[in-house]
N, C-alpha and C. Protein backbone atom coordinates (compact mmCIF):
# COMPACT_ATOMS: atom_id res chain seq x y z
N MET A 1 185.81 229.44 -55.79
CA MET A 1 185.96 228.15 -56.45
C MET A 1 184.61 227.42 -56.43
N GLY A 2 184.10 227.05 -57.61
CA GLY A 2 182.81 226.40 -57.70
C GLY A 2 182.87 224.95 -57.24
N TRP A 3 181.67 224.35 -57.06
CA TRP A 3 181.60 222.97 -56.58
C TRP A 3 182.23 222.00 -57.58
N ALA A 4 182.01 222.26 -58.88
CA ALA A 4 182.57 221.36 -59.90
C ALA A 4 184.10 221.38 -59.84
N THR A 5 184.67 222.57 -59.65
CA THR A 5 186.13 222.70 -59.57
C THR A 5 186.67 222.00 -58.33
N ARG A 6 185.97 222.16 -57.21
CA ARG A 6 186.41 221.50 -55.98
C ARG A 6 186.35 219.98 -56.11
N PHE A 7 185.28 219.49 -56.73
CA PHE A 7 185.13 218.04 -56.90
C PHE A 7 186.22 217.51 -57.82
N LEU A 8 186.51 218.22 -58.89
CA LEU A 8 187.56 217.80 -59.82
C LEU A 8 188.91 217.78 -59.13
N ALA A 9 189.17 218.79 -58.30
CA ALA A 9 190.45 218.84 -57.57
C ALA A 9 190.56 217.65 -56.62
N ALA A 10 189.48 217.32 -55.94
CA ALA A 10 189.49 216.18 -55.01
C ALA A 10 189.76 214.88 -55.76
N VAL A 11 189.13 214.70 -56.93
CA VAL A 11 189.35 213.50 -57.73
C VAL A 11 190.79 213.41 -58.19
N CYS A 12 191.38 214.53 -58.58
CA CYS A 12 192.78 214.54 -59.03
C CYS A 12 193.72 214.14 -57.90
N PHE A 13 193.49 214.67 -56.71
CA PHE A 13 194.33 214.30 -55.57
C PHE A 13 194.15 212.82 -55.22
N PHE A 14 192.91 212.34 -55.31
CA PHE A 14 192.63 210.95 -55.04
C PHE A 14 193.36 210.04 -56.02
N ALA A 15 193.31 210.41 -57.31
CA ALA A 15 193.98 209.61 -58.33
C ALA A 15 195.49 209.66 -58.16
N ALA A 16 196.01 210.83 -57.78
CA ALA A 16 197.45 210.97 -57.59
C ALA A 16 197.95 210.10 -56.45
N GLY A 17 197.07 209.82 -55.48
CA GLY A 17 197.47 208.98 -54.36
C GLY A 17 197.89 207.59 -54.78
N VAL A 18 197.35 207.10 -55.89
CA VAL A 18 197.72 205.77 -56.38
C VAL A 18 199.20 205.72 -56.75
N LEU A 19 199.76 206.85 -57.16
CA LEU A 19 201.17 206.89 -57.54
C LEU A 19 202.08 206.58 -56.36
N PHE A 20 201.61 206.91 -55.15
CA PHE A 20 202.43 206.68 -53.96
C PHE A 20 202.25 205.28 -53.38
N VAL A 21 201.12 204.64 -53.72
CA VAL A 21 200.88 203.28 -53.25
C VAL A 21 200.34 202.46 -54.43
N PRO A 22 201.14 202.25 -55.45
CA PRO A 22 200.65 201.57 -56.65
C PRO A 22 200.23 200.14 -56.41
N GLU A 23 200.85 199.47 -55.42
CA GLU A 23 200.52 198.07 -55.19
C GLU A 23 199.11 197.90 -54.63
N ALA A 24 198.51 199.00 -54.17
CA ALA A 24 197.17 198.91 -53.61
C ALA A 24 196.14 198.52 -54.67
N LEU A 25 196.30 199.05 -55.87
CA LEU A 25 195.33 198.79 -56.91
C LEU A 25 195.94 198.14 -58.14
N LEU A 26 197.25 198.22 -58.28
CA LEU A 26 197.90 197.70 -59.48
C LEU A 26 198.82 196.54 -59.11
N GLY A 27 198.86 195.55 -59.95
CA GLY A 27 199.77 194.43 -59.77
C GLY A 27 199.47 193.60 -58.54
N SER A 28 198.25 193.62 -58.05
CA SER A 28 197.88 192.84 -56.86
C SER A 28 197.29 191.51 -57.28
N PRO A 29 197.30 190.53 -56.39
CA PRO A 29 196.71 189.23 -56.70
C PRO A 29 195.25 189.36 -57.09
N SER A 30 194.76 188.36 -57.79
CA SER A 30 193.37 188.39 -58.25
C SER A 30 192.42 188.54 -57.07
N GLY A 31 191.53 189.52 -57.18
CA GLY A 31 190.55 189.76 -56.12
C GLY A 31 191.00 190.74 -55.06
N ALA A 32 192.30 190.96 -54.94
CA ALA A 32 192.80 191.87 -53.91
C ALA A 32 192.43 193.32 -54.20
N GLY A 33 192.34 193.65 -55.49
CA GLY A 33 191.96 195.01 -55.85
C GLY A 33 190.58 195.36 -55.36
N ALA A 34 189.63 194.42 -55.46
CA ALA A 34 188.27 194.67 -55.00
C ALA A 34 188.23 194.84 -53.48
N VAL A 35 189.05 194.03 -52.79
CA VAL A 35 189.12 194.14 -51.33
C VAL A 35 189.67 195.50 -50.93
N THR A 36 190.72 195.94 -51.62
CA THR A 36 191.31 197.24 -51.33
C THR A 36 190.32 198.36 -51.60
N ALA A 37 189.57 198.24 -52.71
CA ALA A 37 188.57 199.26 -53.03
C ALA A 37 187.50 199.32 -51.95
N ALA A 38 187.08 198.16 -51.42
CA ALA A 38 186.08 198.14 -50.36
C ALA A 38 186.63 198.78 -49.09
N LYS A 39 187.91 198.49 -48.78
CA LYS A 39 188.53 199.10 -47.60
C LYS A 39 188.62 200.61 -47.75
N LEU A 40 188.99 201.05 -48.95
CA LEU A 40 189.10 202.49 -49.20
C LEU A 40 187.74 203.17 -49.05
N ALA A 41 186.71 202.56 -49.63
CA ALA A 41 185.37 203.12 -49.52
C ALA A 41 184.92 203.19 -48.06
N HIS A 42 185.28 202.16 -47.30
CA HIS A 42 184.90 202.13 -45.89
C HIS A 42 185.59 203.24 -45.10
N VAL A 43 186.89 203.38 -45.32
CA VAL A 43 187.64 204.40 -44.59
C VAL A 43 187.16 205.80 -44.96
N LEU A 44 186.95 206.05 -46.25
CA LEU A 44 186.52 207.37 -46.69
C LEU A 44 185.12 207.71 -46.15
N SER A 45 184.21 206.75 -46.21
CA SER A 45 182.85 207.02 -45.72
C SER A 45 182.85 207.22 -44.20
N PHE A 46 183.65 206.41 -43.48
CA PHE A 46 183.73 206.58 -42.03
C PHE A 46 184.33 207.95 -41.69
N ALA A 47 185.43 208.30 -42.37
CA ALA A 47 186.10 209.57 -42.08
C ALA A 47 185.18 210.75 -42.37
N THR A 48 184.43 210.66 -43.45
CA THR A 48 183.52 211.75 -43.81
C THR A 48 182.42 211.91 -42.77
N SER A 49 181.79 210.81 -42.37
CA SER A 49 180.71 210.90 -41.39
C SER A 49 181.23 211.33 -40.02
N TRP A 50 182.41 210.84 -39.64
CA TRP A 50 183.01 211.22 -38.36
C TRP A 50 183.34 212.71 -38.34
N GLY A 51 183.99 213.18 -39.39
CA GLY A 51 184.37 214.60 -39.45
C GLY A 51 183.16 215.51 -39.51
N ALA A 52 182.16 215.14 -40.31
CA ALA A 52 180.95 215.96 -40.40
C ALA A 52 180.22 216.02 -39.07
N ALA A 53 180.12 214.87 -38.39
CA ALA A 53 179.43 214.82 -37.10
C ALA A 53 180.18 215.64 -36.05
N LEU A 54 181.49 215.53 -36.04
CA LEU A 54 182.30 216.28 -35.08
C LEU A 54 182.12 217.78 -35.27
N TRP A 55 182.17 218.22 -36.53
CA TRP A 55 182.05 219.66 -36.82
C TRP A 55 180.64 220.17 -36.50
N ALA A 56 179.62 219.48 -37.01
CA ALA A 56 178.25 219.95 -36.84
C ALA A 56 177.80 219.93 -35.39
N THR A 57 178.24 218.92 -34.63
CA THR A 57 177.76 218.74 -33.26
C THR A 57 178.49 219.61 -32.25
N PHE A 58 179.80 219.73 -32.39
CA PHE A 58 180.59 220.36 -31.34
C PHE A 58 181.24 221.69 -31.72
N ILE A 59 181.22 222.04 -33.01
CA ILE A 59 181.93 223.26 -33.41
C ILE A 59 181.01 224.22 -34.17
N GLY A 60 180.62 223.83 -35.39
CA GLY A 60 179.86 224.74 -36.25
C GLY A 60 178.57 225.22 -35.64
N GLY A 61 177.76 224.29 -35.11
CA GLY A 61 176.47 224.67 -34.55
C GLY A 61 176.59 225.60 -33.36
N ILE A 62 177.56 225.34 -32.49
CA ILE A 62 177.75 226.18 -31.30
C ILE A 62 178.20 227.58 -31.68
N ILE A 63 179.12 227.68 -32.63
CA ILE A 63 179.60 228.99 -33.06
C ILE A 63 178.47 229.80 -33.67
N MET A 64 177.66 229.16 -34.53
CA MET A 64 176.56 229.87 -35.17
C MET A 64 175.53 230.33 -34.14
N PHE A 65 175.21 229.47 -33.17
CA PHE A 65 174.21 229.83 -32.16
C PHE A 65 174.65 231.04 -31.34
N LYS A 66 175.96 231.11 -31.06
CA LYS A 66 176.47 232.19 -30.22
C LYS A 66 176.67 233.51 -30.98
N ASN A 67 176.55 233.48 -32.30
CA ASN A 67 176.85 234.68 -33.07
C ASN A 67 175.74 235.12 -34.03
N LEU A 68 174.71 234.31 -34.24
CA LEU A 68 173.65 234.67 -35.17
C LEU A 68 172.35 234.95 -34.42
N PRO A 69 171.52 235.88 -34.92
CA PRO A 69 170.18 236.03 -34.36
C PRO A 69 169.45 234.70 -34.40
N ARG A 70 168.64 234.42 -33.40
CA ARG A 70 168.06 233.08 -33.26
C ARG A 70 167.25 232.63 -34.47
N HIS A 71 166.43 233.51 -35.02
CA HIS A 71 165.62 233.11 -36.17
C HIS A 71 166.50 232.85 -37.39
N MET A 72 167.53 233.65 -37.56
CA MET A 72 168.46 233.42 -38.66
C MET A 72 169.19 232.10 -38.47
N PHE A 73 169.60 231.84 -37.23
CA PHE A 73 170.26 230.57 -36.91
C PHE A 73 169.33 229.39 -37.19
N GLY A 74 168.09 229.48 -36.75
CA GLY A 74 167.14 228.40 -36.95
C GLY A 74 166.86 228.14 -38.42
N ASN A 75 166.68 229.20 -39.18
CA ASN A 75 166.42 229.05 -40.62
C ASN A 75 167.62 228.43 -41.33
N LEU A 76 168.82 228.82 -40.93
CA LEU A 76 170.02 228.24 -41.52
C LEU A 76 170.13 226.76 -41.18
N GLN A 77 169.88 226.41 -39.93
CA GLN A 77 169.94 225.01 -39.51
C GLN A 77 168.89 224.16 -40.24
N SER A 78 167.73 224.76 -40.53
CA SER A 78 166.67 224.00 -41.22
C SER A 78 167.08 223.64 -42.63
N LYS A 79 168.03 224.38 -43.21
CA LYS A 79 168.55 224.05 -44.54
C LYS A 79 169.75 223.12 -44.44
N MET A 80 170.55 223.29 -43.40
CA MET A 80 171.78 222.51 -43.27
C MET A 80 171.54 221.08 -42.78
N PHE A 81 170.65 220.91 -41.80
CA PHE A 81 170.51 219.59 -41.18
C PHE A 81 169.97 218.51 -42.12
N PRO A 82 169.00 218.80 -42.99
CA PRO A 82 168.62 217.75 -43.94
C PRO A 82 169.79 217.31 -44.81
N ALA A 83 170.61 218.27 -45.26
CA ALA A 83 171.79 217.91 -46.06
C ALA A 83 172.81 217.15 -45.23
N TYR A 84 172.99 217.57 -43.98
CA TYR A 84 173.94 216.91 -43.07
C TYR A 84 173.53 215.47 -42.81
N PHE A 85 172.27 215.23 -42.48
CA PHE A 85 171.85 213.87 -42.18
C PHE A 85 171.76 213.01 -43.43
N THR A 86 171.51 213.62 -44.58
CA THR A 86 171.55 212.86 -45.84
C THR A 86 172.97 212.37 -46.10
N LEU A 87 173.94 213.26 -45.90
CA LEU A 87 175.34 212.91 -46.12
C LEU A 87 175.79 211.79 -45.19
N ILE A 88 175.58 211.95 -43.89
CA ILE A 88 176.11 210.95 -42.97
C ILE A 88 175.30 209.65 -43.01
N SER A 89 174.03 209.72 -43.43
CA SER A 89 173.26 208.49 -43.62
C SER A 89 173.81 207.70 -44.79
N ALA A 90 174.13 208.41 -45.88
CA ALA A 90 174.72 207.75 -47.05
C ALA A 90 176.07 207.14 -46.70
N CYS A 91 176.87 207.89 -45.94
CA CYS A 91 178.19 207.38 -45.53
C CYS A 91 178.03 206.16 -44.62
N ALA A 92 177.06 206.21 -43.71
CA ALA A 92 176.83 205.08 -42.81
C ALA A 92 176.40 203.85 -43.60
N ALA A 93 175.56 204.05 -44.62
CA ALA A 93 175.12 202.92 -45.44
C ALA A 93 176.29 202.29 -46.18
N ILE A 94 177.19 203.13 -46.70
CA ILE A 94 178.38 202.62 -47.39
C ILE A 94 179.27 201.87 -46.41
N SER A 95 179.42 202.41 -45.20
CA SER A 95 180.23 201.75 -44.18
C SER A 95 179.68 200.37 -43.84
N VAL A 96 178.37 200.28 -43.68
CA VAL A 96 177.74 198.99 -43.38
C VAL A 96 177.94 198.01 -44.53
N ALA A 97 177.73 198.49 -45.76
CA ALA A 97 177.84 197.61 -46.93
C ALA A 97 179.26 197.10 -47.11
N THR A 98 180.24 197.98 -46.99
CA THR A 98 181.63 197.57 -47.20
C THR A 98 182.12 196.67 -46.07
N PHE A 99 181.74 196.98 -44.82
CA PHE A 99 182.18 196.14 -43.71
C PHE A 99 181.54 194.76 -43.81
N SER A 100 180.28 194.71 -44.22
CA SER A 100 179.62 193.41 -44.40
C SER A 100 180.27 192.60 -45.52
N HIS A 101 180.73 193.31 -46.56
CA HIS A 101 181.42 192.63 -47.66
C HIS A 101 182.77 192.07 -47.20
N LEU A 102 183.47 192.86 -46.41
CA LEU A 102 184.80 192.44 -45.95
C LEU A 102 184.72 191.39 -44.85
N HIS A 103 183.64 191.42 -44.06
CA HIS A 103 183.50 190.49 -42.94
C HIS A 103 182.10 189.88 -42.96
N PRO A 104 181.84 188.91 -43.83
CA PRO A 104 180.53 188.26 -43.88
C PRO A 104 180.13 187.71 -42.51
N TRP A 105 178.84 187.82 -42.19
CA TRP A 105 178.36 187.47 -40.86
C TRP A 105 178.73 186.04 -40.46
N LYS A 106 178.63 185.09 -41.39
CA LYS A 106 178.86 183.69 -41.05
C LYS A 106 180.30 183.42 -40.63
N THR A 107 181.24 184.16 -41.18
CA THR A 107 182.65 183.93 -40.87
C THR A 107 183.25 185.02 -39.99
N ALA A 108 182.45 186.01 -39.63
CA ALA A 108 182.97 187.13 -38.83
C ALA A 108 183.21 186.70 -37.40
N SER A 109 184.21 187.32 -36.78
CA SER A 109 184.49 187.07 -35.37
C SER A 109 183.48 187.85 -34.51
N THR A 110 183.52 187.58 -33.21
CA THR A 110 182.61 188.28 -32.30
C THR A 110 182.86 189.79 -32.33
N VAL A 111 184.13 190.18 -32.35
CA VAL A 111 184.47 191.61 -32.40
C VAL A 111 183.94 192.24 -33.67
N GLU A 112 184.10 191.56 -34.79
CA GLU A 112 183.64 192.10 -36.07
C GLU A 112 182.12 192.22 -36.11
N ARG A 113 181.43 191.29 -35.47
CA ARG A 113 179.97 191.37 -35.41
C ARG A 113 179.53 192.55 -34.55
N TYR A 114 180.25 192.80 -33.46
CA TYR A 114 179.95 193.97 -32.65
C TYR A 114 180.17 195.26 -33.44
N GLN A 115 181.24 195.30 -34.23
CA GLN A 115 181.52 196.49 -35.03
C GLN A 115 180.43 196.73 -36.06
N LEU A 116 179.95 195.67 -36.66
CA LEU A 116 178.83 195.82 -37.60
C LEU A 116 177.60 196.36 -36.87
N GLY A 117 177.42 195.91 -35.63
CA GLY A 117 176.32 196.43 -34.83
C GLY A 117 176.44 197.92 -34.57
N PHE A 118 177.65 198.39 -34.28
CA PHE A 118 177.87 199.82 -34.08
C PHE A 118 177.55 200.61 -35.35
N LEU A 119 177.99 200.09 -36.49
CA LEU A 119 177.73 200.77 -37.76
C LEU A 119 176.24 200.79 -38.09
N LEU A 120 175.55 199.70 -37.82
CA LEU A 120 174.11 199.66 -38.03
C LEU A 120 173.38 200.62 -37.09
N SER A 121 173.90 200.74 -35.87
CA SER A 121 173.32 201.68 -34.92
C SER A 121 173.46 203.11 -35.43
N ALA A 122 174.64 203.45 -35.95
CA ALA A 122 174.86 204.78 -36.50
C ALA A 122 173.91 205.04 -37.67
N LEU A 123 173.76 204.05 -38.53
CA LEU A 123 172.87 204.20 -39.69
C LEU A 123 171.42 204.39 -39.23
N GLY A 124 170.99 203.59 -38.26
CA GLY A 124 169.62 203.72 -37.77
C GLY A 124 169.35 205.08 -37.14
N CYS A 125 170.29 205.56 -36.34
CA CYS A 125 170.13 206.87 -35.69
C CYS A 125 170.10 208.00 -36.71
N ASN A 126 170.96 207.90 -37.72
CA ASN A 126 171.00 208.94 -38.75
C ASN A 126 169.72 208.95 -39.58
N LEU A 127 169.22 207.77 -39.93
CA LEU A 127 167.98 207.69 -40.71
C LEU A 127 166.79 208.19 -39.90
N SER A 128 166.77 207.89 -38.60
CA SER A 128 165.68 208.37 -37.76
C SER A 128 165.67 209.89 -37.71
N ASN A 129 166.87 210.49 -37.68
CA ASN A 129 166.96 211.94 -37.72
C ASN A 129 166.54 212.50 -39.07
N LEU A 130 167.02 211.86 -40.13
CA LEU A 130 166.72 212.35 -41.48
C LEU A 130 165.24 212.27 -41.79
N LEU A 131 164.60 211.15 -41.43
CA LEU A 131 163.23 210.89 -41.86
C LEU A 131 162.16 211.28 -40.83
N VAL A 132 162.54 211.36 -39.55
CA VAL A 132 161.53 211.61 -38.51
C VAL A 132 161.81 212.88 -37.72
N PHE A 133 162.90 212.89 -36.96
CA PHE A 133 163.11 213.96 -36.00
C PHE A 133 163.41 215.32 -36.63
N THR A 134 164.22 215.34 -37.68
CA THR A 134 164.55 216.63 -38.30
C THR A 134 163.32 217.29 -38.93
N PRO A 135 162.51 216.58 -39.73
CA PRO A 135 161.29 217.22 -40.25
C PRO A 135 160.37 217.73 -39.14
N MET A 136 160.23 216.96 -38.06
CA MET A 136 159.39 217.39 -36.95
C MET A 136 159.97 218.61 -36.26
N THR A 137 161.29 218.63 -36.09
CA THR A 137 161.95 219.77 -35.45
C THR A 137 161.78 221.03 -36.28
N ILE A 138 161.95 220.92 -37.59
CA ILE A 138 161.81 222.09 -38.47
C ILE A 138 160.38 222.62 -38.44
N GLU A 139 159.41 221.71 -38.49
CA GLU A 139 158.01 222.14 -38.44
C GLU A 139 157.70 222.85 -37.12
N MET A 140 158.19 222.29 -36.02
CA MET A 140 157.96 222.90 -34.72
C MET A 140 158.67 224.24 -34.61
N MET A 141 159.87 224.33 -35.19
CA MET A 141 160.61 225.60 -35.16
C MET A 141 159.85 226.70 -35.88
N LYS A 142 159.28 226.38 -37.04
CA LYS A 142 158.53 227.38 -37.80
C LYS A 142 157.32 227.88 -37.03
N LYS A 143 156.64 226.98 -36.32
CA LYS A 143 155.50 227.39 -35.51
C LYS A 143 155.93 228.30 -34.37
N ARG A 144 157.05 227.96 -33.76
CA ARG A 144 157.53 228.80 -32.66
C ARG A 144 158.01 230.15 -33.18
N HIS A 145 158.66 230.17 -34.33
CA HIS A 145 159.09 231.44 -34.91
C HIS A 145 157.89 232.38 -35.12
N LYS A 146 156.77 231.82 -35.58
CA LYS A 146 155.58 232.64 -35.81
C LYS A 146 155.09 233.25 -34.50
N ILE A 147 155.06 232.44 -33.46
CA ILE A 147 154.64 232.96 -32.15
C ILE A 147 155.59 234.04 -31.68
N GLU A 148 156.88 233.82 -31.84
CA GLU A 148 157.88 234.79 -31.38
C GLU A 148 157.82 236.08 -32.18
N ARG A 149 157.57 235.97 -33.48
CA ARG A 149 157.45 237.21 -34.28
C ARG A 149 156.26 238.04 -33.81
N ASP A 150 155.17 237.39 -33.45
CA ASP A 150 154.01 238.11 -32.92
C ASP A 150 154.33 238.79 -31.59
N LEU A 151 155.32 238.24 -30.88
CA LEU A 151 155.73 238.81 -29.60
C LEU A 151 156.94 239.73 -29.73
N SER A 152 157.38 239.94 -30.98
CA SER A 152 158.52 240.83 -31.29
C SER A 152 159.82 240.37 -30.64
N ILE A 153 160.03 239.07 -30.64
CA ILE A 153 161.30 238.52 -30.18
C ILE A 153 161.81 237.54 -31.23
N GLY A 154 163.07 237.14 -31.09
CA GLY A 154 163.65 236.16 -32.01
C GLY A 154 164.79 236.70 -32.84
N GLU A 155 164.94 238.02 -32.87
CA GLU A 155 166.04 238.61 -33.64
C GLU A 155 167.27 238.84 -32.80
N GLU A 156 167.20 238.48 -31.52
CA GLU A 156 168.34 238.64 -30.63
C GLU A 156 169.21 237.39 -30.68
N VAL A 157 170.43 237.50 -30.18
CA VAL A 157 171.32 236.35 -30.06
C VAL A 157 171.13 235.71 -28.69
N GLY A 158 170.92 234.40 -28.66
CA GLY A 158 170.74 233.71 -27.38
C GLY A 158 169.27 233.55 -27.01
N TRP A 159 169.04 232.89 -25.85
CA TRP A 159 167.69 232.51 -25.44
C TRP A 159 167.07 233.46 -24.42
N SER A 160 167.76 234.50 -23.99
CA SER A 160 167.32 235.27 -22.83
C SER A 160 165.90 235.83 -22.99
N LYS A 161 165.58 236.46 -24.12
CA LYS A 161 164.26 237.07 -24.29
C LYS A 161 163.18 236.01 -24.36
N ASN A 162 163.47 234.90 -25.03
CA ASN A 162 162.48 233.84 -25.13
C ASN A 162 162.12 233.32 -23.75
N GLN A 163 163.11 233.04 -22.94
CA GLN A 163 162.87 232.50 -21.61
C GLN A 163 162.14 233.50 -20.72
N GLN A 164 162.47 234.77 -20.90
CA GLN A 164 161.83 235.81 -20.09
C GLN A 164 160.35 235.94 -20.44
N VAL A 165 160.06 235.99 -21.74
CA VAL A 165 158.67 236.15 -22.18
C VAL A 165 157.86 234.89 -21.89
N ALA A 166 158.48 233.72 -22.00
CA ALA A 166 157.77 232.46 -21.77
C ALA A 166 157.23 232.34 -20.35
N LYS A 167 157.83 233.05 -19.41
CA LYS A 167 157.37 232.99 -18.02
C LYS A 167 155.95 233.56 -17.87
N SER A 168 155.61 234.48 -18.78
CA SER A 168 154.28 235.11 -18.69
C SER A 168 153.40 234.79 -19.90
N ASN A 169 153.87 233.89 -20.77
CA ASN A 169 153.11 233.53 -21.96
C ASN A 169 152.98 232.01 -22.05
N PRO A 170 151.85 231.45 -21.63
CA PRO A 170 151.68 229.98 -21.62
C PRO A 170 151.82 229.35 -23.01
N THR A 171 151.39 230.07 -24.05
CA THR A 171 151.48 229.52 -25.41
C THR A 171 152.93 229.29 -25.81
N LEU A 172 153.76 230.30 -25.57
CA LEU A 172 155.18 230.18 -25.90
C LEU A 172 155.84 229.13 -25.02
N ALA A 173 155.47 229.08 -23.75
CA ALA A 173 156.06 228.10 -22.83
C ALA A 173 155.73 226.68 -23.29
N ALA A 174 154.48 226.46 -23.73
CA ALA A 174 154.08 225.14 -24.21
C ALA A 174 154.83 224.77 -25.48
N MET A 175 154.98 225.75 -26.37
CA MET A 175 155.71 225.50 -27.62
C MET A 175 157.18 225.20 -27.34
N ASN A 176 157.77 225.92 -26.39
CA ASN A 176 159.15 225.65 -26.00
C ASN A 176 159.32 224.22 -25.50
N LYS A 177 158.33 223.75 -24.73
CA LYS A 177 158.39 222.40 -24.18
C LYS A 177 158.32 221.36 -25.28
N LYS A 178 157.41 221.55 -26.25
CA LYS A 178 157.28 220.61 -27.37
C LYS A 178 158.53 220.60 -28.22
N PHE A 179 159.03 221.80 -28.52
CA PHE A 179 160.24 221.90 -29.35
C PHE A 179 161.42 221.26 -28.63
N GLY A 180 161.53 221.51 -27.33
CA GLY A 180 162.64 220.95 -26.57
C GLY A 180 162.62 219.44 -26.56
N MET A 181 161.42 218.84 -26.50
CA MET A 181 161.32 217.39 -26.49
C MET A 181 161.77 216.80 -27.83
N ILE A 182 161.26 217.35 -28.95
CA ILE A 182 161.61 216.84 -30.27
C ILE A 182 163.09 217.08 -30.57
N HIS A 183 163.55 218.28 -30.25
CA HIS A 183 164.96 218.61 -30.49
C HIS A 183 165.86 217.75 -29.63
N GLY A 184 165.42 217.44 -28.43
CA GLY A 184 166.20 216.58 -27.54
C GLY A 184 166.35 215.17 -28.10
N LEU A 185 165.27 214.63 -28.67
CA LEU A 185 165.33 213.30 -29.28
C LEU A 185 166.27 213.31 -30.49
N SER A 186 166.21 214.39 -31.27
CA SER A 186 167.10 214.51 -32.42
C SER A 186 168.56 214.57 -31.97
N SER A 187 168.82 215.36 -30.94
CA SER A 187 170.19 215.48 -30.43
C SER A 187 170.68 214.16 -29.85
N LEU A 188 169.79 213.44 -29.17
CA LEU A 188 170.16 212.15 -28.59
C LEU A 188 170.53 211.16 -29.69
N ALA A 189 169.74 211.11 -30.75
CA ALA A 189 170.03 210.21 -31.87
C ALA A 189 171.36 210.58 -32.51
N ASN A 190 171.63 211.87 -32.62
CA ASN A 190 172.88 212.33 -33.22
C ASN A 190 174.08 211.93 -32.35
N ILE A 191 173.94 212.10 -31.03
CA ILE A 191 175.02 211.73 -30.12
C ILE A 191 175.24 210.22 -30.11
N MET A 192 174.17 209.44 -30.18
CA MET A 192 174.30 207.99 -30.22
C MET A 192 175.02 207.54 -31.49
N SER A 193 174.71 208.20 -32.60
CA SER A 193 175.40 207.89 -33.85
C SER A 193 176.89 208.23 -33.73
N PHE A 194 177.18 209.40 -33.14
CA PHE A 194 178.57 209.81 -32.96
C PHE A 194 179.31 208.83 -32.05
N GLY A 195 178.63 208.38 -31.00
CA GLY A 195 179.24 207.42 -30.08
C GLY A 195 179.53 206.09 -30.75
N SER A 196 178.62 205.65 -31.62
CA SER A 196 178.84 204.40 -32.34
C SER A 196 180.04 204.51 -33.26
N LEU A 197 180.18 205.66 -33.91
CA LEU A 197 181.34 205.87 -34.78
C LEU A 197 182.62 205.93 -33.95
N ALA A 198 182.53 206.51 -32.76
CA ALA A 198 183.70 206.57 -31.88
C ALA A 198 184.16 205.16 -31.50
N MET A 199 183.20 204.27 -31.23
CA MET A 199 183.54 202.88 -30.91
C MET A 199 184.23 202.21 -32.09
N HIS A 200 183.75 202.51 -33.29
CA HIS A 200 184.35 201.90 -34.49
C HIS A 200 185.73 202.47 -34.77
N SER A 201 185.97 203.72 -34.36
CA SER A 201 187.28 204.33 -34.60
C SER A 201 188.37 203.57 -33.84
N TRP A 202 188.06 203.04 -32.65
CA TRP A 202 189.03 202.25 -31.90
C TRP A 202 189.38 200.97 -32.65
N TYR A 203 188.37 200.36 -33.26
CA TYR A 203 188.60 199.14 -34.04
C TYR A 203 189.52 199.44 -35.23
N LEU A 204 189.23 200.52 -35.95
CA LEU A 204 190.06 200.86 -37.12
C LEU A 204 191.48 201.20 -36.70
N ALA A 205 191.62 201.89 -35.56
CA ALA A 205 192.96 202.24 -35.09
C ALA A 205 193.78 200.99 -34.76
N SER A 206 193.12 199.97 -34.25
CA SER A 206 193.82 198.73 -33.90
C SER A 206 194.33 197.99 -35.13
N LYS A 207 193.78 198.33 -36.30
CA LYS A 207 194.19 197.66 -37.54
C LYS A 207 195.29 198.39 -38.30
N LEU A 208 195.60 199.61 -37.84
CA LEU A 208 196.62 200.39 -38.54
C LEU A 208 198.02 199.91 -38.22
N GLU A 209 198.88 199.98 -39.20
CA GLU A 209 200.30 199.71 -39.01
C GLU A 209 201.08 200.92 -39.51
N LEU A 210 201.54 201.74 -38.59
CA LEU A 210 202.23 202.99 -38.94
C LEU A 210 203.73 202.88 -38.74
């Protein structure tokens, strides 16, 4: 199934949802439709960023690392992470915009202002990864791959050969240290973004009526 077909199917399901809750967009008081649209955009963008972060951080990346040769894993991640951080940065921006529209700062409660702070934190962390840490990590990874290819390692699964060779190779050990520092900052920013979204999930849950 191509991307165009998948997108069309998603739009059809989205449109069909109106049939089950027609009062959400149809026959509502003046201005209520715009509020509902903002709420829908907020929920969809939050859900997308939360789901993507959960999968990339705790499931997909770990499975790939444990089953792919390291250089193949690294090259795949170098293509996936820019797309991943672009997606969740865009979703975070939409979340901030819609929440600010629904709860203007001047009239917002203390709780609502804190929630906006969490959303802004997620956006800032995602943008820092997209614009700073991810490009630096990819560049450092390529340099380390070159060193490892010269040492005939990198096609194995896991870190064992790298760590073993690094004990007797100062160049590789230094590169591992630099890569670990940049990758650590990227991971920290990603976890902070995920934590901010987790805080906001409690707020959204408190607003549900099931």
